[in-house]
Amino acid sequence: MPDRIITCRVLSGRGNQCTGEAVDPNADLKICARHLAEAQRLVHEAFQRARRQESS
């Protein structure tokens, strides 16, 4: 575990950095659980759209 807390690198529309703790401080992508869940939701929706377009 790192000596200091590594925070999420996501910025709001106003340029404010998220203050949540990064899920994996050693990863290349440093995001908190909230933003990780949002990213997973967006990826899932994109796959669903792609699947619907393929079946049309």
PDB file of N, CA and C in Angstrom:
ATOM      1  N   MET A   1       0.844  -1.180   0.000  1.00  0.00           N
ATOM      2  CA  MET A   1       0.000   0.000   0.000  1.00  0.00           C
ATOM      3  C   MET A   1       0.888   1.241   0.000  1.00  0.00           C
ATOM      4  N   PRO A   2       0.531   2.244  -0.817  1.00  0.00           N
ATOM      5  CA  PRO A   2       1.361   3.445  -0.880  1.00  0.00           C
ATOM      6  C   PRO A   2       1.311   4.244   0.427  1.00  0.00           C
ATOM      7  N   ASP A   3       2.336   5.054   0.629  1.00  0.00           N
ATOM      8  CA  ASP A   3       2.402   5.882   1.829  1.00  0.00           C
ATOM      9  C   ASP A   3       1.359   6.992   1.819  1.00  0.00           C
ATOM     10  N   ARG A   4       0.958   7.399   0.632  1.00  0.00           N
ATOM     11  CA  ARG A   4      -0.049   8.454   0.537  1.00  0.00           C
ATOM     12  C   ARG A   4      -1.209   7.964  -0.328  1.00  0.00           C
ATOM     13  N   ILE A   5      -2.339   8.599  -0.190  1.00  0.00           N
ATOM     14  CA  ILE A   5      -3.519   8.220  -0.962  1.00  0.00           C
ATOM     15  C   ILE A   5      -3.410   8.802  -2.363  1.00  0.00           C
ATOM     16  N   ILE A   6      -3.612   7.952  -3.356  1.00  0.00           N
ATOM     17  CA  ILE A   6      -3.627   8.366  -4.759  1.00  0.00           C
ATOM     18  C   ILE A   6      -5.084   8.628  -5.126  1.00  0.00           C
ATOM     19  N   THR A   7      -5.364   9.818  -5.628  1.00  0.00           N
ATOM     20  CA  THR A   7      -6.745  10.168  -5.934  1.00  0.00           C
ATOM     21  C   THR A   7      -7.088   9.926  -7.402  1.00  0.00           C
ATOM     22  N   CYS A   8      -8.371   9.885  -7.651  1.00  0.00           N
ATOM     23  CA  CYS A   8      -8.945   9.702  -8.984  1.00  0.00           C
ATOM     24  C   CYS A   8      -8.484  10.835  -9.901  1.00  0.00           C
ATOM     25  N   ARG A   9      -8.250  10.539 -11.173  1.00  0.00           N
ATOM     26  CA  ARG A   9      -7.766  11.543 -12.122  1.00  0.00           C
ATOM     27  C   ARG A   9      -8.872  12.144 -12.987  1.00  0.00           C
ATOM     28  N   VAL A  10     -10.128  11.778 -12.719  1.00  0.00           N
ATOM     29  CA  VAL A  10     -11.245  12.275 -13.522  1.00  0.00           C
ATOM     30  C   VAL A  10     -11.520  13.735 -13.170  1.00  0.00           C
ATOM     31  N   LEU A  11     -11.734  14.543 -14.212  1.00  0.00           N
ATOM     32  CA  LEU A  11     -12.053  15.956 -14.029  1.00  0.00           C
ATOM     33  C   LEU A  11     -13.521  16.194 -14.342  1.00  0.00           C
ATOM     34  N   SER A  12     -14.131  17.089 -13.595  1.00  0.00           N
ATOM     35  CA  SER A  12     -15.520  17.475 -13.875  1.00  0.00           C
ATOM     36  C   SER A  12     -15.547  18.415 -15.071  1.00  0.00           C
ATOM     37  N   GLY A  13     -16.726  18.754 -15.510  1.00  0.00           N
ATOM     38  CA  GLY A  13     -16.874  19.690 -16.616  1.00  0.00           C
ATOM     39  C   GLY A  13     -16.280  21.055 -16.304  1.00  0.00           C
ATOM     40  N   ARG A  14     -16.191  21.384 -15.037  1.00  0.00           N
ATOM     41  CA  ARG A  14     -15.608  22.665 -14.612  1.00  0.00           C
ATOM     42  C   ARG A  14     -14.110  22.574 -14.346  1.00  0.00           C
ATOM     43  N   GLY A  15     -13.542  21.401 -14.563  1.00  0.00           N
ATOM     44  CA  GLY A  15     -12.107  21.232 -14.380  1.00  0.00           C
ATOM     45  C   GLY A  15     -11.680  20.860 -12.976  1.00  0.00           C
ATOM     46  N   ASN A  16     -12.640  20.516 -12.105  1.00  0.00           N
ATOM     47  CA  ASN A  16     -12.310  20.099 -10.744  1.00  0.00           C
ATOM     48  C   ASN A  16     -11.982  18.615 -10.726  1.00  0.00           C
ATOM     49  N   GLN A  17     -10.890  18.260 -10.078  1.00  0.00           N
ATOM     50  CA  GLN A  17     -10.493  16.852  -9.999  1.00  0.00           C
ATOM     51  C   GLN A  17     -11.293  16.137  -8.929  1.00  0.00           C
ATOM     52  N   CYS A  18     -11.713  14.903  -9.228  1.00  0.00           N
ATOM     53  CA  CYS A  18     -12.409  14.055  -8.269  1.00  0.00           C
ATOM     54  C   CYS A  18     -11.486  13.799  -7.075  1.00  0.00           C
ATOM     55  N   THR A  19     -12.064  13.751  -5.884  1.00  0.00           N
ATOM     56  CA  THR A  19     -11.261  13.528  -4.682  1.00  0.00           C
ATOM     57  C   THR A  19     -11.339  12.091  -4.180  1.00  0.00           C
ATOM     58  N   GLY A  20     -12.010  11.210  -4.941  1.00  0.00           N
ATOM     59  CA  GLY A  20     -12.119   9.810  -4.540  1.00  0.00           C
ATOM     60  C   GLY A  20     -10.779   9.096  -4.629  1.00  0.00           C
ATOM     61  N   GLU A  21     -10.629   8.078  -3.805  1.00  0.00           N
ATOM     62  CA  GLU A  21      -9.392   7.290  -3.806  1.00  0.00           C
ATOM     63  C   GLU A  21      -9.375   6.345  -5.002  1.00  0.00           C
ATOM     64  N   ALA A  22      -8.240   6.274  -5.678  1.00  0.00           N
ATOM     65  CA  ALA A  22      -8.088   5.402  -6.837  1.00  0.00           C
ATOM     66  C   ALA A  22      -8.257   3.943  -6.432  1.00  0.00           C
ATOM     67  N   VAL A  23      -8.967   3.179  -7.246  1.00  0.00           N
ATOM     68  CA  VAL A  23      -9.190   1.759  -6.976  1.00  0.00           C
ATOM     69  C   VAL A  23      -7.858   1.016  -6.939  1.00  0.00           C
ATOM     70  N   ASP A  24      -7.001   1.274  -7.932  1.00  0.00           N
ATOM     71  CA  ASP A  24      -5.680   0.650  -8.003  1.00  0.00           C
ATOM     72  C   ASP A  24      -4.641   1.759  -8.189  1.00  0.00           C
ATOM     73  N   PRO A  25      -3.977   2.161  -7.126  1.00  0.00           N
ATOM     74  CA  PRO A  25      -3.026   3.268  -7.228  1.00  0.00           C
ATOM     75  C   PRO A  25      -1.811   2.970  -8.106  1.00  0.00           C
ATOM     76  N   ASN A  26      -1.572   1.711  -8.431  1.00  0.00           N
ATOM     77  CA  ASN A  26      -0.431   1.341  -9.270  1.00  0.00           C
ATOM     78  C   ASN A  26      -0.798   1.178 -10.745  1.00  0.00           C
ATOM     79  N   ALA A  27      -2.066   1.304 -11.074  1.00  0.00           N
ATOM     80  CA  ALA A  27      -2.529   1.128 -12.449  1.00  0.00           C
ATOM     81  C   ALA A  27      -2.215   2.361 -13.294  1.00  0.00           C
ATOM     82  N   ASP A  28      -2.215   2.178 -14.608  1.00  0.00           N
ATOM     83  CA  ASP A  28      -2.034   3.314 -15.517  1.00  0.00           C
ATOM     84  C   ASP A  28      -3.234   4.245 -15.454  1.00  0.00           C
ATOM     85  N   LEU A  29      -4.422   3.686 -15.285  1.00  0.00           N
ATOM     86  CA  LEU A  29      -5.658   4.447 -15.219  1.00  0.00           C
ATOM     87  C   LEU A  29      -6.062   4.564 -13.751  1.00  0.00           C
ATOM     88  N   LYS A  30      -5.922   5.744 -13.185  1.00  0.00           N
ATOM     89  CA  LYS A  30      -6.208   5.943 -11.770  1.00  0.00           C
ATOM     90  C   LYS A  30      -7.587   6.574 -11.613  1.00  0.00           C
ATOM     91  N   ILE A  31      -8.602   5.715 -11.370  1.00  0.00           N
ATOM     92  CA  ILE A  31      -9.957   6.202 -11.177  1.00  0.00           C
ATOM     93  C   ILE A  31     -10.569   5.557  -9.940  1.00  0.00           C
ATOM     94  N   CYS A  32     -11.541   6.261  -9.368  1.00  0.00           N
ATOM     95  CA  CYS A  32     -12.207   5.775  -8.160  1.00  0.00           C
ATOM     96  C   CYS A  32     -13.296   4.767  -8.533  1.00  0.00           C
ATOM     97  N   ALA A  33     -13.872   4.132  -7.537  1.00  0.00           N
ATOM     98  CA  ALA A  33     -14.907   3.118  -7.761  1.00  0.00           C
ATOM     99  C   ALA A  33     -16.119   3.722  -8.460  1.00  0.00           C
ATOM    100  N   ARG A  34     -16.483   4.942  -8.122  1.00  0.00           N
ATOM    101  CA  ARG A  34     -17.644   5.581  -8.745  1.00  0.00           C
ATOM    102  C   ARG A  34     -17.426   5.755 -10.248  1.00  0.00           C
ATOM    103  N   HIS A  35     -16.277   6.263 -10.630  1.00  0.00           N
ATOM    104  CA  HIS A  35     -16.010   6.487 -12.044  1.00  0.00           C
ATOM    105  C   HIS A  35     -15.734   5.183 -12.790  1.00  0.00           C
ATOM    106  N   LEU A  36     -15.191   4.193 -12.112  1.00  0.00           N
ATOM    107  CA  LEU A  36     -15.013   2.879 -12.715  1.00  0.00           C
ATOM    108  C   LEU A  36     -16.369   2.260 -13.047  1.00  0.00           C
ATOM    109  N   ALA A  37     -17.320   2.374 -12.123  1.00  0.00           N
ATOM    110  CA  ALA A  37     -18.668   1.849 -12.365  1.00  0.00           C
ATOM    111  C   ALA A  37     -19.338   2.580 -13.522  1.00  0.00           C
ATOM    112  N   GLU A  38     -19.159   3.888 -13.599  1.00  0.00           N
ATOM    113  CA  GLU A  38     -19.730   4.662 -14.702  1.00  0.00           C
ATOM    114  C   GLU A  38     -19.120   4.226 -16.035  1.00  0.00           C
ATOM    115  N   ALA A  39     -17.810   4.008 -16.062  1.00  0.00           N
ATOM    116  CA  ALA A  39     -17.146   3.556 -17.289  1.00  0.00           C
ATOM    117  C   ALA A  39     -17.662   2.181 -17.702  1.00  0.00           C
ATOM    118  N   GLN A  40     -17.839   1.286 -16.751  1.00  0.00           N
ATOM    119  CA  GLN A  40     -18.366  -0.046 -17.055  1.00  0.00           C
ATOM    120  C   GLN A  40     -19.777   0.046 -17.624  1.00  0.00           C
ATOM    121  N   ARG A  41     -20.606   0.932 -17.069  1.00  0.00           N
ATOM    122  CA  ARG A  41     -21.966   1.108 -17.570  1.00  0.00           C
ATOM    123  C   ARG A  41     -21.940   1.617 -19.011  1.00  0.00           C
ATOM    124  N   LEU A  42     -21.088   2.587 -19.296  1.00  0.00           N
ATOM    125  CA  LEU A  42     -20.999   3.144 -20.646  1.00  0.00           C
ATOM    126  C   LEU A  42     -20.507   2.107 -21.656  1.00  0.00           C
ATOM    127  N   VAL A  43     -19.529   1.292 -21.269  1.00  0.00           N
ATOM    128  CA  VAL A  43     -19.025   0.243 -22.154  1.00  0.00           C
ATOM    129  C   VAL A  43     -20.121  -0.784 -22.415  1.00  0.00           C
ATOM    130  N   HIS A  44     -20.844  -1.167 -21.372  1.00  0.00           N
ATOM    131  CA  HIS A  44     -21.931  -2.130 -21.529  1.00  0.00           C
ATOM    132  C   HIS A  44     -22.990  -1.602 -22.502  1.00  0.00           C
ATOM    133  N   GLU A  45     -23.374  -0.344 -22.346  1.00  0.00           N
ATOM    134  CA  GLU A  45     -24.363   0.256 -23.245  1.00  0.00           C
ATOM    135  C   GLU A  45     -23.859   0.281 -24.687  1.00  0.00           C
ATOM    136  N   ALA A  46     -22.583   0.571 -24.879  1.00  0.00           N
ATOM    137  CA  ALA A  46     -22.010   0.597 -26.233  1.00  0.00           C
ATOM    138  C   ALA A  46     -22.050  -0.790 -26.860  1.00  0.00           C
ATOM    139  N   PHE A  47     -21.733  -1.825 -26.095  1.00  0.00           N
ATOM    140  CA  PHE A  47     -21.795  -3.193 -26.615  1.00  0.00           C
ATOM    141  C   PHE A  47     -23.234  -3.579 -26.960  1.00  0.00           C
ATOM    142  N   GLN A  48     -24.177  -3.160 -26.129  1.00  0.00           N
ATOM    143  CA  GLN A  48     -25.583  -3.462 -26.414  1.00  0.00           C
ATOM    144  C   GLN A  48     -26.023  -2.784 -27.705  1.00  0.00           C
ATOM    145  N   ARG A  49     -25.637  -1.531 -27.916  1.00  0.00           N
ATOM    146  CA  ARG A  49     -25.988  -0.830 -29.156  1.00  0.00           C
ATOM    147  C   ARG A  49     -25.369  -1.525 -30.361  1.00  0.00           C
ATOM    148  N   ALA A  50     -24.105  -1.910 -30.237  1.00  0.00           N
ATOM    149  CA  ALA A  50     -23.424  -2.593 -31.339  1.00  0.00           C
ATOM    150  C   ALA A  50     -24.099  -3.924 -31.653  1.00  0.00           C
ATOM    151  N   ARG A  51     -24.495  -4.634 -30.646  1.00  0.00           N
ATOM    152  CA  ARG A  51     -25.159  -5.925 -30.838  1.00  0.00           C
ATOM    153  C   ARG A  51     -26.512  -5.742 -31.537  1.00  0.00           C
ATOM    154  N   ARG A  52     -27.256  -4.698 -31.143  1.00  0.00           N
ATOM    155  CA  ARG A  52     -28.548  -4.427 -31.796  1.00  0.00           C
ATOM    156  C   ARG A  52     -28.348  -4.049 -33.254  1.00  0.00           C
ATOM    157  N   GLN A  53     -27.302  -3.274 -33.555  1.00  0.00           N
ATOM    158  CA  GLN A  53     -27.043  -2.858 -34.931  1.00  0.00           C
ATOM    159  C   GLN A  53     -26.634  -4.055 -35.801  1.00  0.00           C
ATOM    160  N   GLU A  54     -25.896  -4.998 -35.234  1.00  0.00           N
ATOM    161  CA  GLU A  54     -25.486  -6.184 -35.991  1.00  0.00           C
ATOM    162  C   GLU A  54     -26.689  -7.060 -36.328  1.00  0.00           C
ATOM    163  N   SER A  55     -27.652  -7.124 -35.426  1.00  0.00           N
ATOM    164  CA  SER A  55     -28.804  -8.005 -35.650  1.00  0.00           C
ATOM    165  C   SER A  55     -29.854  -7.354 -36.547  1.00  0.00           C
ATOM    166  N   SER A  56     -29.723  -6.087 -36.852  1.00  0.00           N
ATOM    167  CA  SER A  56     -30.698  -5.397 -37.718  1.00  0.00           C
ATOM    168  C   SER A  56     -30.478  -5.666 -39.168  1.00  0.00           C
TER     169      SER A  56
END
